[in-house]
PDB file of N, CA and C in Angstrom:
ATOM      1  N   MET A   1     -91.219 -96.825  32.458  1.00  0.00           N
ATOM      2  CA  MET A   1     -91.155 -97.596  33.316  1.00  0.00           C
ATOM      3  C   MET A   1     -91.559 -99.114  32.421  1.00  0.00           C
ATOM      4  N   VAL A   2     -91.491 -99.999  33.034  1.00  0.00           N
ATOM      5  CA  VAL A   2     -91.136-101.539  32.863  1.00  0.00           C
ATOM      6  C   VAL A   2     -91.590-101.960  33.565  1.00  0.00           C
ATOM      7  N   ARG A   3     -92.920-102.984  33.784  1.00  0.00           N
ATOM      8  CA  ARG A   3     -93.421-104.324  34.959  1.00  0.00           C
ATOM      9  C   ARG A   3     -92.299-104.975  34.307  1.00  0.00           C
ATOM     10  N   ASP A   4     -92.220-105.729  35.272  1.00  0.00           N
ATOM     11  CA  ASP A   4     -91.136-107.237  34.772  1.00  0.00           C
ATOM     12  C   ASP A   4     -91.169-108.097  36.438  1.00  0.00           C
ATOM     13  N   VAL A   5     -92.104-109.601  35.301  1.00  0.00           N
ATOM     14  CA  VAL A   5     -91.414-110.567  36.572  1.00  0.00           C
ATOM     15  C   VAL A   5     -90.666-110.992  36.544  1.00  0.00           C
ATOM     16  N   VAL A   6     -89.750-111.906  37.713  1.00  0.00           N
ATOM     17  CA  VAL A   6     -88.689-112.466  38.395  1.00  0.00           C
ATOM     18  C   VAL A   6     -88.924-113.756  37.816  1.00  0.00           C
ATOM     19  N   PRO A   7     -88.779-114.288  36.985  1.00  0.00           N
ATOM     20  CA  PRO A   7     -88.749-115.424  36.854  1.00  0.00           C
ATOM     21  C   PRO A   7     -88.986-116.542  37.322  1.00  0.00           C
ATOM     22  N   ASN A   8     -88.247-117.154  38.558  1.00  0.00           N
ATOM     23  CA  ASN A   8     -88.140-118.253  38.975  1.00  0.00           C
ATOM     24  C   ASN A   8     -88.140-118.007  40.614  1.00  0.00           C
ATOM     25  N   PRO A   9     -88.887-117.268  40.952  1.00  0.00           N
ATOM     26  CA  PRO A   9     -89.004-116.890  42.750  1.00  0.00           C
ATOM     27  C   PRO A   9     -88.382-118.066  43.578  1.00  0.00           C
ATOM     28  N   PRO A  10     -88.447-117.778  45.056  1.00  0.00           N
ATOM     29  CA  PRO A  10     -87.897-119.005  45.683  1.00  0.00           C
ATOM     30  C   PRO A  10     -89.391-119.638  46.162  1.00  0.00           C
ATOM     31  N   VAL A  11     -89.462-121.276  46.274  1.00  0.00           N
ATOM     32  CA  VAL A  11     -90.398-122.024  46.843  1.00  0.00           C
ATOM     33  C   VAL A  11     -90.851-120.810  48.061  1.00  0.00           C
ATOM     34  N   ASN A  12     -92.454-121.481  47.719  1.00  0.00           N
ATOM     35  CA  ASN A  12     -93.353-121.308  49.570  1.00  0.00           C
ATOM     36  C   ASN A  12     -92.906-119.056  48.804  1.00  0.00           C
ATOM     37  N   SER A  13     -92.733-118.803  47.726  1.00  0.00           N
ATOM     38  CA  SER A  13     -92.442-117.278  47.958  1.00  0.00           C
ATOM     39  C   SER A  13     -93.745-116.502  47.089  1.00  0.00           C
ATOM     40  N   HIS A  14     -94.054-115.465  47.459  1.00  0.00           N
ATOM     41  CA  HIS A  14     -94.864-114.975  46.316  1.00  0.00           C
ATOM     42  C   HIS A  14     -94.527-114.189  45.155  1.00  0.00           C
ATOM     43  N   LEU A  15     -95.713-114.378  43.895  1.00  0.00           N
ATOM     44  CA  LEU A  15     -94.558-113.872  42.963  1.00  0.00           C
ATOM     45  C   LEU A  15     -93.642-112.591  43.401  1.00  0.00           C
ATOM     46  N   VAL A  16     -92.554-111.663  42.480  1.00  0.00           N
ATOM     47  CA  VAL A  16     -92.157-110.964  42.676  1.00  0.00           C
ATOM     48  C   VAL A  16     -92.103-110.257  41.561  1.00  0.00           C
ATOM     49  N   VAL A  17     -92.433-108.803  41.383  1.00  0.00           N
ATOM     50  CA  VAL A  17     -92.482-107.688  40.514  1.00  0.00           C
ATOM     51  C   VAL A  17     -91.988-106.558  40.976  1.00  0.00           C
ATOM     52  N   LEU A  18     -90.855-106.635  39.658  1.00  0.00           N
ATOM     53  CA  LEU A  18     -90.310-105.364  39.842  1.00  0.00           C
ATOM     54  C   LEU A  18     -90.469-104.417  38.784  1.00  0.00           C
ATOM     55  N   TYR A  19     -90.269-103.310  38.372  1.00  0.00           N
ATOM     56  CA  TYR A  19     -90.472-101.982  38.351  1.00  0.00           C
ATOM     57  C   TYR A  19     -88.829-101.517  37.727  1.00  0.00           C
ATOM     58  N   ARG A  20     -88.936-101.238  36.354  1.00  0.00           N
ATOM     59  CA  ARG A  20     -87.169-100.808  35.900  1.00  0.00           C
ATOM     60  C   ARG A  20     -87.167 -99.704  35.079  1.00  0.00           C
ATOM     61  N   GLY A  21     -86.738 -98.582  35.618  1.00  0.00           N
ATOM     62  CA  GLY A  21     -86.754 -97.331  34.266  1.00  0.00           C
ATOM     63  C   GLY A  21     -86.058 -98.006  33.284  1.00  0.00           C
ATOM     64  N   GLU A  22     -86.442 -97.396  31.765  1.00  0.00           N
ATOM     65  CA  GLU A  22     -85.712 -97.703  30.600  1.00  0.00           C
ATOM     66  C   GLU A  22     -85.694 -96.410  29.748  1.00  0.00           C
ATOM     67  N   TYR A  23     -84.619 -95.931  28.936  1.00  0.00           N
ATOM     68  CA  TYR A  23     -84.947 -95.085  27.944  1.00  0.00           C
ATOM     69  C   TYR A  23     -84.892 -95.953  26.479  1.00  0.00           C
ATOM     70  N   GLN A  24     -85.953 -94.941  25.734  1.00  0.00           N
ATOM     71  CA  GLN A  24     -86.244 -94.939  24.365  1.00  0.00           C
ATOM     72  C   GLN A  24     -84.565 -94.401  23.738  1.00  0.00           C
ATOM     73  N   LEU A  25     -84.078 -94.651  22.740  1.00  0.00           N
ATOM     74  CA  LEU A  25     -83.254 -94.590  22.132  1.00  0.00           C
ATOM     75  C   LEU A  25     -83.716 -94.440  20.725  1.00  0.00           C
ATOM     76  N   ARG A  26     -83.027 -92.842  20.339  1.00  0.00           N
ATOM     77  CA  ARG A  26     -83.602 -92.406  18.611  1.00  0.00           C
ATOM     78  C   ARG A  26     -82.169 -92.993  18.284  1.00  0.00           C
ATOM     79  N   TYR A  27     -82.174 -93.557  17.302  1.00  0.00           N
ATOM     80  CA  TYR A  27     -81.160 -93.082  16.076  1.00  0.00           C
ATOM     81  C   TYR A  27     -81.714 -93.471  14.668  1.00  0.00           C
ATOM     82  N   THR A  28     -80.422 -93.047  13.721  1.00  0.00           N
ATOM     83  CA  THR A  28     -80.861 -92.493  12.944  1.00  0.00           C
ATOM     84  C   THR A  28     -80.430 -92.708  11.715  1.00  0.00           C
ATOM     85  N   VAL A  29     -80.964 -93.501  10.697  1.00  0.00           N
ATOM     86  CA  VAL A  29     -79.607 -93.806   9.468  1.00  0.00           C
ATOM     87  C   VAL A  29     -80.481 -93.775   7.859  1.00  0.00           C
ATOM     88  N   GLU A  30     -79.498 -92.840   7.171  1.00  0.00           N
ATOM     89  CA  GLU A  30     -79.798 -92.582   6.069  1.00  0.00           C
ATOM     90  C   GLU A  30     -81.059 -91.706   6.192  1.00  0.00           C
ATOM     91  N   GLY A  31     -81.967 -90.993   6.979  1.00  0.00           N
ATOM     92  CA  GLY A  31     -82.393 -89.748   6.967  1.00  0.00           C
ATOM     93  C   GLY A  31     -84.056 -90.952   8.030  1.00  0.00           C
ATOM     94  N   LYS A  32     -83.763 -92.370   8.427  1.00  0.00           N
ATOM     95  CA  LYS A  32     -84.614 -92.217   8.712  1.00  0.00           C
ATOM     96  C   LYS A  32     -84.524 -92.990  10.200  1.00  0.00           C
ATOM     97  N   ASP A  33     -85.462 -92.726  11.510  1.00  0.00           N
ATOM     98  CA  ASP A  33     -85.400 -92.779  12.787  1.00  0.00           C
ATOM     99  C   ASP A  33     -85.558 -94.299  13.207  1.00  0.00           C
ATOM    100  N   PHE A  34     -84.938 -94.652  13.893  1.00  0.00           N
ATOM    101  CA  PHE A  34     -85.624 -96.124  14.494  1.00  0.00           C
ATOM    102  C   PHE A  34     -85.398 -96.053  16.040  1.00  0.00           C
ATOM    103  N   TYR A  35     -85.920 -96.573  16.555  1.00  0.00           N
ATOM    104  CA  TYR A  35     -85.831 -96.821  18.428  1.00  0.00           C
ATOM    105  C   TYR A  35     -85.349 -98.067  18.742  1.00  0.00           C
ATOM    106  N   THR A  36     -84.995 -98.155  19.984  1.00  0.00           N
ATOM    107  CA  THR A  36     -84.457 -99.626  20.498  1.00  0.00           C
ATOM    108  C   THR A  36     -85.062 -98.673  22.258  1.00  0.00           C
ATOM    109  N   TRP A  37     -85.041-100.003  22.861  1.00  0.00           N
ATOM    110  CA  TRP A  37     -84.549 -99.936  24.750  1.00  0.00           C
ATOM    111  C   TRP A  37     -83.303-100.329  25.188  1.00  0.00           C
ATOM    112  N   VAL A  38     -83.406 -99.436  26.688  1.00  0.00           N
ATOM    113  CA  VAL A  38     -82.358-100.244  27.457  1.00  0.00           C
ATOM    114  C   VAL A  38     -82.232 -99.539  28.371  1.00  0.00           C
ATOM    115  N   SER A  39     -82.021 -99.928  29.510  1.00  0.00           N
ATOM    116  CA  SER A  39     -82.063-100.386  30.754  1.00  0.00           C
ATOM    117  C   SER A  39     -81.642 -98.253  31.764  1.00  0.00           C
ATOM    118  N   SER A  40     -82.327 -97.776  32.337  1.00  0.00           N
ATOM    119  CA  SER A  40     -81.795 -96.528  33.017  1.00  0.00           C
ATOM    120  C   SER A  40     -80.860 -96.809  33.981  1.00  0.00           C
ATOM    121  N   GLY A  41     -80.976 -97.500  34.569  1.00  0.00           N
ATOM    122  CA  GLY A  41     -80.541 -98.155  36.293  1.00  0.00           C
ATOM    123  C   GLY A  41     -81.415 -98.517  36.958  1.00  0.00           C
ATOM    124  N   PRO A  42     -81.992 -98.069  37.346  1.00  0.00           N
ATOM    125  CA  PRO A  42     -83.009 -97.421  38.604  1.00  0.00           C
ATOM    126  C   PRO A  42     -84.077 -99.425  38.080  1.00  0.00           C
ATOM    127  N   SER A  43     -84.418-100.050  39.279  1.00  0.00           N
ATOM    128  CA  SER A  43     -84.989-100.965  39.527  1.00  0.00           C
ATOM    129  C   SER A  43     -85.204-101.414  40.845  1.00  0.00           C
ATOM    130  N   ASP A  44     -86.800-101.395  40.874  1.00  0.00           N
ATOM    131  CA  ASP A  44     -86.714-102.022  42.835  1.00  0.00           C
ATOM    132  C   ASP A  44     -88.877-102.368  42.693  1.00  0.00           C
ATOM    133  N   ALA A  45     -88.748-102.743  43.552  1.00  0.00           N
ATOM    134  CA  ALA A  45     -90.475-103.610  44.082  1.00  0.00           C
ATOM    135  C   ALA A  45     -91.319-102.857  43.945  1.00  0.00           C
ATOM    136  N   GLU A  46     -90.902-101.179  44.574  1.00  0.00           N
ATOM    137  CA  GLU A  46     -92.054 -99.835  44.480  1.00  0.00           C
ATOM    138  C   GLU A  46     -91.667 -99.067  43.732  1.00  0.00           C
ATOM    139  N   LYS A  47     -92.781 -99.391  42.788  1.00  0.00           N
ATOM    140  CA  LYS A  47     -93.015 -98.092  41.739  1.00  0.00           C
ATOM    141  C   LYS A  47     -92.984 -96.352  41.680  1.00  0.00           C
ATOM    142  N   GLU A  48     -92.798 -96.437  43.105  1.00  0.00           N
ATOM    143  CA  GLU A  48     -93.620 -95.009  43.146  1.00  0.00           C
ATOM    144  C   GLU A  48     -91.177 -94.582  43.034  1.00  0.00           C
ATOM    145  N   PHE A  49     -90.374 -95.496  44.189  1.00  0.00           N
ATOM    146  CA  PHE A  49     -89.106 -94.982  43.866  1.00  0.00           C
ATOM    147  C   PHE A  49     -88.597 -95.307  42.674  1.00  0.00           C
ATOM    148  N   VAL A  50     -88.855 -96.242  41.571  1.00  0.00           N
ATOM    149  CA  VAL A  50     -88.199 -96.056  40.048  1.00  0.00           C
ATOM    150  C   VAL A  50     -89.021 -94.782  39.902  1.00  0.00           C
ATOM    151  N   GLU A  51     -89.695 -94.290  39.654  1.00  0.00           N
ATOM    152  CA  GLU A  51     -90.057 -92.450  38.891  1.00  0.00           C
ATOM    153  C   GLU A  51     -89.765 -92.469  39.788  1.00  0.00           C
ATOM    154  N   ALA A  52     -89.201 -91.877  40.688  1.00  0.00           N
ATOM    155  CA  ALA A  52     -88.658 -90.651  41.675  1.00  0.00           C
ATOM    156  C   ALA A  52     -86.809 -90.846  41.044  1.00  0.00           C
ATOM    157  N   LYS A  53     -86.184 -91.978  41.116  1.00  0.00           N
ATOM    158  CA  LYS A  53     -85.029 -92.427  40.141  1.00  0.00           C
ATOM    159  C   LYS A  53     -85.471 -91.345  38.787  1.00  0.00           C
ATOM    160  N   MET A  54     -86.025 -92.153  38.132  1.00  0.00           N
ATOM    161  CA  MET A  54     -86.390 -91.956  36.343  1.00  0.00           C
ATOM    162  C   MET A  54     -86.158 -90.177  36.302  1.00  0.00           C
ATOM    163  N   ASP A  55     -87.451 -89.597  38.024  1.00  0.00           N
ATOM    164  CA  ASP A  55     -87.450 -88.376  37.386  1.00  0.00           C
ATOM    165  C   ASP A  55     -86.172 -87.301  37.518  1.00  0.00           C
ATOM    166  N   LYS A  56     -85.278 -87.493  38.186  1.00  0.00           N
ATOM    167  CA  LYS A  56     -84.130 -87.292  38.287  1.00  0.00           C
ATOM    168  C   LYS A  56     -82.840 -87.851  37.184  1.00  0.00           C
ATOM    169  N   LEU A  57     -82.786 -88.623  36.521  1.00  0.00           N
ATOM    170  CA  LEU A  57     -82.172 -88.455  35.148  1.00  0.00           C
ATOM    171  C   LEU A  57     -82.394 -87.349  33.999  1.00  0.00           C
ATOM    172  N   PRO A  58     -81.114 -87.178  33.502  1.00  0.00           N
ATOM    173  CA  PRO A  58     -80.633 -86.049  32.575  1.00  0.00           C
ATOM    174  C   PRO A  58     -81.539 -86.427  30.735  1.00  0.00           C
ATOM    175  N   ASP A  59     -82.689 -85.410  30.760  1.00  0.00           N
ATOM    176  CA  ASP A  59     -83.473 -85.731  29.720  1.00  0.00           C
ATOM    177  C   ASP A  59     -82.540 -86.137  28.500  1.00  0.00           C
ATOM    178  N   ARG A  60     -81.281 -86.111  28.532  1.00  0.00           N
ATOM    179  CA  ARG A  60     -80.625 -86.968  27.038  1.00  0.00           C
ATOM    180  C   ARG A  60     -79.453 -87.236  27.629  1.00  0.00           C
ATOM    181  N   CYS A  61     -79.116 -88.328  26.613  1.00  0.00           N
ATOM    182  CA  CYS A  61     -78.182 -89.656  27.232  1.00  0.00           C
ATOM    183  C   CYS A  61     -77.239 -90.022  25.966  1.00  0.00           C
ATOM    184  N   ASN A  62     -75.815 -90.209  26.224  1.00  0.00           N
ATOM    185  CA  ASN A  62     -75.214 -90.731  25.158  1.00  0.00           C
ATOM    186  C   ASN A  62     -74.303 -92.415  24.996  1.00  0.00           C
ATOM    187  N   PHE A  63     -75.489 -92.978  24.527  1.00  0.00           N
ATOM    188  CA  PHE A  63     -75.188 -94.677  24.285  1.00  0.00           C
ATOM    189  C   PHE A  63     -74.399 -94.660  22.547  1.00  0.00           C
ATOM    190  N   ARG A  64     -73.852 -96.223  22.612  1.00  0.00           N
ATOM    191  CA  ARG A  64     -73.420 -96.276  21.126  1.00  0.00           C
ATOM    192  C   ARG A  64     -74.258 -97.252  20.929  1.00  0.00           C
ATOM    193  N   ILE A  65     -74.821 -97.169  19.761  1.00  0.00           N
ATOM    194  CA  ILE A  65     -75.805 -98.559  19.257  1.00  0.00           C
ATOM    195  C   ILE A  65     -75.169 -98.938  17.812  1.00  0.00           C
ATOM    196  N   ARG A  66     -75.178-100.155  17.771  1.00  0.00           N
ATOM    197  CA  ARG A  66     -74.684-101.074  16.717  1.00  0.00           C
ATOM    198  C   ARG A  66     -75.942-101.525  15.743  1.00  0.00           C
ATOM    199  N   TYR A  67     -76.021-101.442  15.064  1.00  0.00           N
ATOM    200  CA  TYR A  67     -77.029-102.209  14.078  1.00  0.00           C
ATOM    201  C   TYR A  67     -76.810-102.800  12.803  1.00  0.00           C
ATOM    202  N   ASN A  68     -77.747-103.331  12.402  1.00  0.00           N
ATOM    203  CA  ASN A  68     -77.505-103.860  11.707  1.00  0.00           C
ATOM    204  C   ASN A  68     -77.313-103.198   9.569  1.00  0.00           C
ATOM    205  N   PRO A  69     -76.061-103.045   8.806  1.00  0.00           N
ATOM    206  CA  PRO A  69     -76.031-102.034   7.856  1.00  0.00           C
ATOM    207  C   PRO A  69     -77.634-102.560   6.519  1.00  0.00           C
ATOM    208  N   ASN A  70     -78.014-103.766   6.981  1.00  0.00           N
ATOM    209  CA  ASN A  70     -78.879-104.431   5.452  1.00  0.00           C
ATOM    210  C   ASN A  70     -80.573-104.418   6.071  1.00  0.00           C
ATOM    211  N   ARG A  71     -80.726-104.687   8.034  1.00  0.00           N
ATOM    212  CA  ARG A  71     -81.526-104.394   8.787  1.00  0.00           C
ATOM    213  C   ARG A  71     -81.822-103.086   9.232  1.00  0.00           C
ATOM    214  N   PRO A  72     -81.663-101.709   9.440  1.00  0.00           N
ATOM    215  CA  PRO A  72     -80.935-101.090  10.449  1.00  0.00           C
ATOM    216  C   PRO A  72     -82.159-100.985  11.904  1.00  0.00           C
ATOM    217  N   SER A  73     -83.309-101.804  11.198  1.00  0.00           N
ATOM    218  CA  SER A  73     -84.041-102.081  12.949  1.00  0.00           C
ATOM    219  C   SER A  73     -83.838-102.878  13.657  1.00  0.00           C
ATOM    220  N   GLU A  74     -82.483-103.888  13.148  1.00  0.00           N
ATOM    221  CA  GLU A  74     -81.487-104.726  14.317  1.00  0.00           C
ATOM    222  C   GLU A  74     -80.679-103.898  14.592  1.00  0.00           C
ATOM    223  N   ALA A  75     -81.492-103.316  15.833  1.00  0.00           N
ATOM    224  CA  ALA A  75     -79.730-102.647  16.914  1.00  0.00           C
ATOM    225  C   ALA A  75     -79.408-103.823  18.685  1.00  0.00           C
ATOM    226  N   VAL A  76     -78.596-103.226  18.907  1.00  0.00           N
ATOM    227  CA  VAL A  76     -78.523-103.455  20.280  1.00  0.00           C
ATOM    228  C   VAL A  76     -77.583-102.660  20.390  1.00  0.00           C
ATOM    229  N   VAL A  77     -77.952-102.060  21.571  1.00  0.00           N
ATOM    230  CA  VAL A  77     -77.224-101.289  22.467  1.00  0.00           C
ATOM    231  C   VAL A  77     -75.440-101.788  23.000  1.00  0.00           C
ATOM    232  N   VAL A  78     -74.329-101.464  23.193  1.00  0.00           N
ATOM    233  CA  VAL A  78     -73.152-101.888  23.394  1.00  0.00           C
ATOM    234  C   VAL A  78     -73.103-101.045  24.893  1.00  0.00           C
ATOM    235  N   SER A  79     -73.280 -99.813  24.779  1.00  0.00           N
ATOM    236  CA  SER A  79     -72.189 -99.430  25.961  1.00  0.00           C
ATOM    237  C   SER A  79     -72.537 -97.869  26.595  1.00  0.00           C
ATOM    238  N   LYS A  80     -72.359 -97.494  27.441  1.00  0.00           N
ATOM    239  CA  LYS A  80     -72.890 -96.085  27.483  1.00  0.00           C
ATOM    240  C   LYS A  80     -71.768 -95.459  27.124  1.00  0.00           C
ATOM    241  N   MET A  81     -71.321 -94.096  26.485  1.00  0.00           N
ATOM    242  CA  MET A  81     -70.233 -93.837  25.925  1.00  0.00           C
ATOM    243  C   MET A  81     -70.150 -92.443  27.807  1.00  0.00           C
ATOM    244  N   GLN A  82     -68.922 -92.104  27.945  1.00  0.00           N
ATOM    245  CA  GLN A  82     -68.771 -91.571  28.692  1.00  0.00           C
ATOM    246  C   GLN A  82     -68.705 -89.869  27.976  1.00  0.00           C
ATOM    247  N   PRO A  83     -69.307 -88.951  28.908  1.00  0.00           N
ATOM    248  CA  PRO A  83     -69.625 -87.327  27.960  1.00  0.00           C
ATOM    249  C   PRO A  83     -68.660 -86.583  27.981  1.00  0.00           C
TER     250      PRO A  83
END
């Protein structure tokens, strides 16, 4: 879970802190493992709410990852693939 601060809160308001769940994705290129992060969806000001949602997510997920063939550590998650 990641703690995130809203960059531009409205004037005269308190600083807004949001929590968002993320997947750590592993991908393998030529036998070497690399990792990147992607949002799992849930996000809220209540940490416990996000934790509860994260507990219900599947242990495995399918995402499409595009990486730079010259530098495999440079990657972006393009989309979630349909099961």
